[in-house]
Amino acid sequence: MINLTIAGNVGRDAELRRTKSGDEVLGFSVAVDNGKDKSGNKRPATWVKCSVWGKRATSLESYIRKGTKMVLTGRPGVDVYEGNGSLTISVQDLTFMGGGEQRDGGSTGYDQVSPSSDLDDEIPF
């Protein structure tokens, strides 16, 4: 088995679709930053088409928005259309890294969690 791990930014809001058999699939693309070359010029990003299947697709739809930073692991593939190939990943695991575009002064969908004030400060050992 081959696994691919990538880290990058979502290029546009995720789109939930259904296959003819009724399976749910969430599609989006992630841009992976390739840094700079020896001359200091920025290299073009590598775009990866991502898909999440099943119930996770429905539950994640509202969280995957343009600009969201994430790390994805899954099964790699290649999509060929009219002679051009593109890298794909069938996502098995993902981690949100925070950040992203804010809309209408709201949050990015990620709440900052603060420690509970009722925790005892003493270490029990």
N, C-alpha and C. Protein backbone atom coordinates (compact mmCIF):
# COMPACT_ATOMS: atom_id res chain seq x y z
N MET A 1 0.84 -1.17 0.00
CA MET A 1 0.00 0.00 0.00
C MET A 1 0.89 1.24 0.00
N ILE A 2 0.47 2.26 -0.72
CA ILE A 2 1.19 3.53 -0.79
C ILE A 2 0.33 4.60 -0.11
N ASN A 3 0.95 5.37 0.77
CA ASN A 3 0.28 6.51 1.40
C ASN A 3 1.01 7.78 1.02
N LEU A 4 0.26 8.83 0.82
CA LEU A 4 0.79 10.14 0.49
C LEU A 4 0.37 11.10 1.59
N THR A 5 1.31 11.91 2.08
CA THR A 5 1.00 12.95 3.06
C THR A 5 1.37 14.29 2.46
N ILE A 6 0.41 15.22 2.49
CA ILE A 6 0.64 16.57 1.96
C ILE A 6 0.17 17.59 2.99
N ALA A 7 0.73 18.78 2.90
CA ALA A 7 0.30 19.91 3.73
C ALA A 7 0.14 21.10 2.80
N GLY A 8 -0.97 21.82 2.94
CA GLY A 8 -1.19 22.97 2.08
C GLY A 8 -2.46 23.71 2.43
N ASN A 9 -2.87 24.56 1.49
CA ASN A 9 -4.04 25.43 1.67
C ASN A 9 -5.13 25.04 0.66
N VAL A 10 -6.36 25.00 1.14
CA VAL A 10 -7.49 24.69 0.28
C VAL A 10 -7.69 25.83 -0.71
N GLY A 11 -7.89 25.48 -1.99
CA GLY A 11 -8.01 26.48 -3.04
C GLY A 11 -9.39 27.08 -3.19
N ARG A 12 -10.44 26.34 -2.85
CA ARG A 12 -11.81 26.85 -2.89
C ARG A 12 -12.66 25.98 -1.98
N ASP A 13 -13.84 26.47 -1.64
CA ASP A 13 -14.73 25.74 -0.74
C ASP A 13 -14.99 24.33 -1.26
N ALA A 14 -15.05 23.37 -0.34
CA ALA A 14 -15.33 21.99 -0.71
C ALA A 14 -16.74 21.86 -1.28
N GLU A 15 -16.92 20.90 -2.18
CA GLU A 15 -18.20 20.67 -2.83
C GLU A 15 -18.65 19.23 -2.58
N LEU A 16 -19.83 19.07 -1.99
CA LEU A 16 -20.39 17.75 -1.70
C LEU A 16 -21.23 17.29 -2.89
N ARG A 17 -20.95 16.06 -3.35
CA ARG A 17 -21.71 15.48 -4.46
C ARG A 17 -22.13 14.06 -4.08
N ARG A 18 -22.98 13.48 -4.89
CA ARG A 18 -23.39 12.08 -4.72
C ARG A 18 -23.13 11.34 -6.03
N THR A 19 -22.64 10.12 -5.91
CA THR A 19 -22.43 9.29 -7.09
C THR A 19 -23.78 8.72 -7.52
N LYS A 20 -23.83 8.06 -8.67
CA LYS A 20 -25.07 7.46 -9.15
C LYS A 20 -25.60 6.41 -8.18
N SER A 21 -24.68 5.76 -7.46
CA SER A 21 -25.09 4.73 -6.50
C SER A 21 -25.48 5.33 -5.15
N GLY A 22 -25.39 6.67 -5.00
CA GLY A 22 -25.81 7.33 -3.78
C GLY A 22 -24.70 7.60 -2.77
N ASP A 23 -23.47 7.21 -3.09
CA ASP A 23 -22.35 7.47 -2.18
C ASP A 23 -22.03 8.96 -2.15
N GLU A 24 -21.71 9.47 -0.96
CA GLU A 24 -21.35 10.87 -0.82
C GLU A 24 -19.85 11.04 -1.00
N VAL A 25 -19.47 12.09 -1.74
CA VAL A 25 -18.05 12.40 -1.93
C VAL A 25 -17.86 13.91 -1.85
N LEU A 26 -16.88 14.31 -1.06
CA LEU A 26 -16.55 15.72 -0.89
C LEU A 26 -15.29 16.00 -1.68
N GLY A 27 -15.34 16.95 -2.61
CA GLY A 27 -14.20 17.27 -3.46
C GLY A 27 -13.67 18.67 -3.21
N PHE A 28 -12.34 18.79 -3.21
CA PHE A 28 -11.67 20.08 -3.06
C PHE A 28 -10.23 19.92 -3.53
N SER A 29 -9.55 21.04 -3.72
CA SER A 29 -8.14 21.01 -4.14
C SER A 29 -7.28 21.70 -3.10
N VAL A 30 -6.06 21.21 -2.96
CA VAL A 30 -5.10 21.77 -2.01
C VAL A 30 -3.84 22.19 -2.77
N ALA A 31 -3.35 23.40 -2.49
CA ALA A 31 -2.11 23.90 -3.08
C ALA A 31 -0.98 23.64 -2.09
N VAL A 32 0.04 22.93 -2.56
CA VAL A 32 1.21 22.63 -1.74
C VAL A 32 2.33 23.58 -2.15
N ASP A 33 2.85 24.34 -1.19
CA ASP A 33 3.92 25.31 -1.43
C ASP A 33 5.23 24.58 -1.69
N ASN A 34 5.93 24.92 -2.75
CA ASN A 34 7.19 24.28 -3.11
C ASN A 34 8.42 25.13 -2.79
N GLY A 35 8.23 26.18 -2.01
CA GLY A 35 9.36 27.01 -1.59
C GLY A 35 9.95 27.84 -2.71
N LYS A 36 11.25 28.12 -2.57
CA LYS A 36 11.96 28.95 -3.54
C LYS A 36 13.12 28.19 -4.14
N ASP A 37 13.53 28.61 -5.36
CA ASP A 37 14.70 27.99 -5.99
C ASP A 37 15.97 28.66 -5.49
N LYS A 38 17.13 28.27 -6.04
CA LYS A 38 18.42 28.81 -5.59
C LYS A 38 18.54 30.31 -5.79
N SER A 39 17.81 30.84 -6.77
CA SER A 39 17.85 32.27 -7.06
C SER A 39 16.89 33.07 -6.19
N GLY A 40 16.11 32.40 -5.37
CA GLY A 40 15.16 33.08 -4.51
C GLY A 40 13.80 33.31 -5.13
N ASN A 41 13.59 32.75 -6.33
CA ASN A 41 12.30 32.89 -7.00
C ASN A 41 11.32 31.83 -6.48
N LYS A 42 10.10 32.23 -6.24
CA LYS A 42 9.08 31.31 -5.73
C LYS A 42 8.73 30.28 -6.81
N ARG A 43 8.75 29.01 -6.42
CA ARG A 43 8.35 27.94 -7.33
C ARG A 43 6.82 27.87 -7.36
N PRO A 44 6.25 27.44 -8.49
CA PRO A 44 4.79 27.31 -8.54
C PRO A 44 4.31 26.22 -7.57
N ALA A 45 3.11 26.41 -7.04
CA ALA A 45 2.52 25.43 -6.12
C ALA A 45 2.14 24.16 -6.89
N THR A 46 2.11 23.04 -6.19
CA THR A 46 1.60 21.79 -6.74
C THR A 46 0.17 21.64 -6.27
N TRP A 47 -0.76 21.48 -7.21
CA TRP A 47 -2.18 21.33 -6.86
C TRP A 47 -2.54 19.86 -6.80
N VAL A 48 -3.27 19.49 -5.76
CA VAL A 48 -3.69 18.10 -5.55
C VAL A 48 -5.21 18.08 -5.40
N LYS A 49 -5.88 17.26 -6.22
CA LYS A 49 -7.34 17.08 -6.11
C LYS A 49 -7.60 16.10 -4.97
N CYS A 50 -8.46 16.48 -4.04
CA CYS A 50 -8.72 15.66 -2.85
C CYS A 50 -10.17 15.21 -2.82
N SER A 51 -10.40 14.01 -2.28
CA SER A 51 -11.76 13.51 -2.11
C SER A 51 -11.89 12.79 -0.77
N VAL A 52 -13.01 13.04 -0.11
CA VAL A 52 -13.36 12.39 1.14
C VAL A 52 -14.68 11.68 0.89
N TRP A 53 -14.78 10.42 1.27
CA TRP A 53 -15.96 9.61 0.97
C TRP A 53 -16.77 9.29 2.21
N GLY A 54 -18.07 9.03 2.01
CA GLY A 54 -18.95 8.53 3.05
C GLY A 54 -19.47 9.60 4.00
N LYS A 55 -19.79 9.16 5.22
CA LYS A 55 -20.37 10.06 6.21
C LYS A 55 -19.42 11.19 6.59
N ARG A 56 -18.11 10.93 6.53
CA ARG A 56 -17.14 11.99 6.84
C ARG A 56 -17.27 13.14 5.86
N ALA A 57 -17.62 12.84 4.62
CA ALA A 57 -17.78 13.89 3.61
C ALA A 57 -18.85 14.89 4.04
N THR A 58 -19.98 14.39 4.51
CA THR A 58 -21.06 15.26 4.95
C THR A 58 -20.67 16.07 6.17
N SER A 59 -20.02 15.43 7.14
CA SER A 59 -19.67 16.13 8.38
C SER A 59 -18.57 17.17 8.18
N LEU A 60 -17.71 17.00 7.18
CA LEU A 60 -16.59 17.93 6.97
C LEU A 60 -16.90 19.06 5.99
N GLU A 61 -18.00 18.96 5.27
CA GLU A 61 -18.31 19.93 4.22
C GLU A 61 -18.25 21.38 4.71
N SER A 62 -18.81 21.68 5.84
CA SER A 62 -18.87 23.07 6.31
C SER A 62 -17.54 23.59 6.85
N TYR A 63 -16.57 22.71 7.07
CA TYR A 63 -15.29 23.13 7.65
C TYR A 63 -14.18 23.36 6.62
N ILE A 64 -14.32 22.76 5.45
CA ILE A 64 -13.26 22.88 4.44
C ILE A 64 -13.59 24.04 3.52
N ARG A 65 -12.93 25.16 3.77
CA ARG A 65 -13.17 26.41 3.06
C ARG A 65 -11.88 26.92 2.43
N LYS A 66 -12.02 27.79 1.47
CA LYS A 66 -10.88 28.39 0.80
C LYS A 66 -9.93 28.99 1.84
N GLY A 67 -8.64 28.66 1.71
CA GLY A 67 -7.63 29.20 2.60
C GLY A 67 -7.33 28.34 3.82
N THR A 68 -8.19 27.35 4.10
CA THR A 68 -7.96 26.48 5.25
C THR A 68 -6.64 25.73 5.10
N LYS A 69 -5.84 25.76 6.16
CA LYS A 69 -4.57 25.04 6.16
C LYS A 69 -4.81 23.65 6.73
N MET A 70 -4.30 22.62 6.04
CA MET A 70 -4.52 21.26 6.51
C MET A 70 -3.41 20.31 6.07
N VAL A 71 -3.31 19.20 6.80
CA VAL A 71 -2.41 18.11 6.46
C VAL A 71 -3.30 16.91 6.14
N LEU A 72 -3.05 16.28 4.99
CA LEU A 72 -3.87 15.16 4.53
C LEU A 72 -3.00 13.93 4.30
N THR A 73 -3.53 12.77 4.62
CA THR A 73 -2.88 11.51 4.33
C THR A 73 -3.89 10.62 3.64
N GLY A 74 -3.44 9.91 2.60
CA GLY A 74 -4.36 9.04 1.90
C GLY A 74 -3.71 8.31 0.74
N ARG A 75 -4.55 7.69 -0.06
CA ARG A 75 -4.11 6.90 -1.20
C ARG A 75 -3.94 7.81 -2.42
N PRO A 76 -2.72 7.87 -2.98
CA PRO A 76 -2.50 8.75 -4.14
C PRO A 76 -3.02 8.12 -5.43
N GLY A 77 -3.27 9.00 -6.40
CA GLY A 77 -3.68 8.55 -7.72
C GLY A 77 -3.37 9.63 -8.74
N VAL A 78 -3.65 9.32 -10.00
CA VAL A 78 -3.45 10.28 -11.09
C VAL A 78 -4.72 10.31 -11.92
N ASP A 79 -5.20 11.50 -12.19
CA ASP A 79 -6.37 11.73 -13.03
C ASP A 79 -5.87 12.23 -14.38
N VAL A 80 -6.27 11.58 -15.46
CA VAL A 80 -5.84 12.02 -16.79
C VAL A 80 -7.07 12.49 -17.55
N TYR A 81 -6.99 13.73 -18.06
CA TYR A 81 -8.08 14.32 -18.83
C TYR A 81 -7.48 15.08 -20.01
N GLU A 82 -7.88 14.70 -21.21
CA GLU A 82 -7.40 15.32 -22.45
C GLU A 82 -5.87 15.40 -22.48
N GLY A 83 -5.22 14.33 -22.08
CA GLY A 83 -3.77 14.25 -22.16
C GLY A 83 -3.01 14.90 -21.01
N ASN A 84 -3.73 15.57 -20.11
CA ASN A 84 -3.08 16.21 -18.96
C ASN A 84 -3.36 15.40 -17.70
N GLY A 85 -2.33 15.22 -16.89
CA GLY A 85 -2.49 14.47 -15.65
C GLY A 85 -2.49 15.39 -14.45
N SER A 86 -3.20 14.96 -13.41
CA SER A 86 -3.18 15.70 -12.15
C SER A 86 -3.12 14.71 -11.00
N LEU A 87 -2.45 15.13 -9.94
CA LEU A 87 -2.29 14.31 -8.76
C LEU A 87 -3.57 14.33 -7.94
N THR A 88 -4.00 13.16 -7.46
CA THR A 88 -5.20 13.07 -6.63
C THR A 88 -4.86 12.33 -5.34
N ILE A 89 -5.72 12.53 -4.33
CA ILE A 89 -5.57 11.80 -3.09
C ILE A 89 -6.95 11.46 -2.56
N SER A 90 -7.15 10.19 -2.23
CA SER A 90 -8.37 9.75 -1.55
C SER A 90 -8.05 9.82 -0.07
N VAL A 91 -8.59 10.81 0.60
CA VAL A 91 -8.21 11.17 1.96
C VAL A 91 -8.68 10.12 2.97
N GLN A 92 -7.73 9.66 3.78
CA GLN A 92 -8.05 8.72 4.85
C GLN A 92 -7.94 9.41 6.21
N ASP A 93 -7.07 10.41 6.31
CA ASP A 93 -6.88 11.13 7.56
C ASP A 93 -6.57 12.58 7.25
N LEU A 94 -7.13 13.50 8.05
CA LEU A 94 -6.81 14.91 7.85
C LEU A 94 -6.74 15.63 9.18
N THR A 95 -5.90 16.67 9.20
CA THR A 95 -5.72 17.49 10.39
C THR A 95 -5.81 18.95 9.97
N PHE A 96 -6.69 19.71 10.63
CA PHE A 96 -6.78 21.14 10.38
C PHE A 96 -5.66 21.84 11.11
N MET A 97 -5.00 22.77 10.42
CA MET A 97 -3.87 23.48 11.00
C MET A 97 -4.22 24.90 11.43
N GLY A 98 -5.49 25.28 11.35
CA GLY A 98 -5.90 26.63 11.74
C GLY A 98 -5.69 27.61 10.61
N GLY A 99 -6.03 28.86 10.88
CA GLY A 99 -5.89 29.91 9.87
C GLY A 99 -7.01 29.83 8.86
N GLY A 100 -6.82 30.44 7.72
CA GLY A 100 -7.83 30.42 6.68
C GLY A 100 -8.56 31.73 6.58
N GLU A 101 -9.43 31.80 5.62
CA GLU A 101 -10.18 33.01 5.32
C GLU A 101 -11.33 33.18 6.31
N GLN A 102 -11.49 34.39 6.81
CA GLN A 102 -12.63 34.69 7.67
C GLN A 102 -13.70 35.37 6.85
N ARG A 103 -14.94 35.06 7.13
CA ARG A 103 -16.05 35.63 6.37
C ARG A 103 -16.96 36.43 7.28
N ASP A 104 -17.37 37.58 6.83
CA ASP A 104 -18.34 38.41 7.55
C ASP A 104 -17.95 38.65 9.00
N GLY A 105 -16.67 38.78 9.27
CA GLY A 105 -16.21 39.06 10.62
C GLY A 105 -16.33 37.87 11.55
N GLY A 106 -16.72 36.72 11.02
CA GLY A 106 -16.89 35.53 11.85
C GLY A 106 -15.59 34.77 12.00
N SER A 107 -15.67 33.66 12.66
CA SER A 107 -14.47 32.84 12.84
C SER A 107 -14.27 31.96 11.62
N THR A 108 -13.14 31.27 11.58
CA THR A 108 -12.83 30.37 10.49
C THR A 108 -13.45 29.00 10.69
N GLY A 109 -14.25 28.85 11.75
CA GLY A 109 -14.87 27.57 12.01
C GLY A 109 -14.10 26.78 13.06
N TYR A 110 -13.04 27.33 13.58
CA TYR A 110 -12.22 26.65 14.57
C TYR A 110 -12.26 27.47 15.84
N ASP A 111 -12.69 26.88 16.90
CA ASP A 111 -12.75 27.57 18.17
C ASP A 111 -11.46 27.35 18.92
N GLN A 112 -10.97 28.41 19.51
CA GLN A 112 -9.78 28.30 20.33
C GLN A 112 -10.22 27.77 21.69
N VAL A 113 -9.61 26.69 22.12
CA VAL A 113 -9.99 26.05 23.37
C VAL A 113 -9.06 26.52 24.46
N SER A 114 -9.64 26.97 25.56
CA SER A 114 -8.82 27.39 26.69
C SER A 114 -8.95 26.35 27.79
N PRO A 115 -7.91 26.18 28.60
CA PRO A 115 -7.97 25.19 29.66
C PRO A 115 -9.08 25.53 30.65
N SER A 116 -9.66 24.52 31.21
CA SER A 116 -10.73 24.70 32.19
C SER A 116 -10.17 25.34 33.45
N SER A 117 -10.89 26.30 33.99
CA SER A 117 -10.42 27.01 35.18
C SER A 117 -10.59 26.18 36.44
N ASP A 118 -11.39 25.11 36.37
CA ASP A 118 -11.60 24.32 37.57
C ASP A 118 -10.62 23.15 37.71
N LEU A 119 -9.62 23.09 36.86
CA LEU A 119 -8.60 22.04 36.99
C LEU A 119 -7.69 22.34 38.17
N ASP A 120 -7.32 21.33 38.88
CA ASP A 120 -6.44 21.48 40.02
C ASP A 120 -5.02 21.69 39.52
N ASP A 121 -4.32 22.70 40.06
CA ASP A 121 -2.96 23.00 39.62
C ASP A 121 -1.91 22.04 40.17
N GLU A 122 -2.27 21.24 41.15
CA GLU A 122 -1.31 20.32 41.74
C GLU A 122 -1.18 19.06 40.89
N ILE A 123 0.03 18.61 40.71
CA ILE A 123 0.30 17.37 40.00
C ILE A 123 0.18 16.24 41.01
N PRO A 124 -0.59 15.19 40.71
CA PRO A 124 -0.89 14.16 41.70
C PRO A 124 0.23 13.14 41.96
N PHE A 125 1.42 13.35 41.45
CA PHE A 125 2.50 12.39 41.71
C PHE A 125 3.76 13.07 42.13
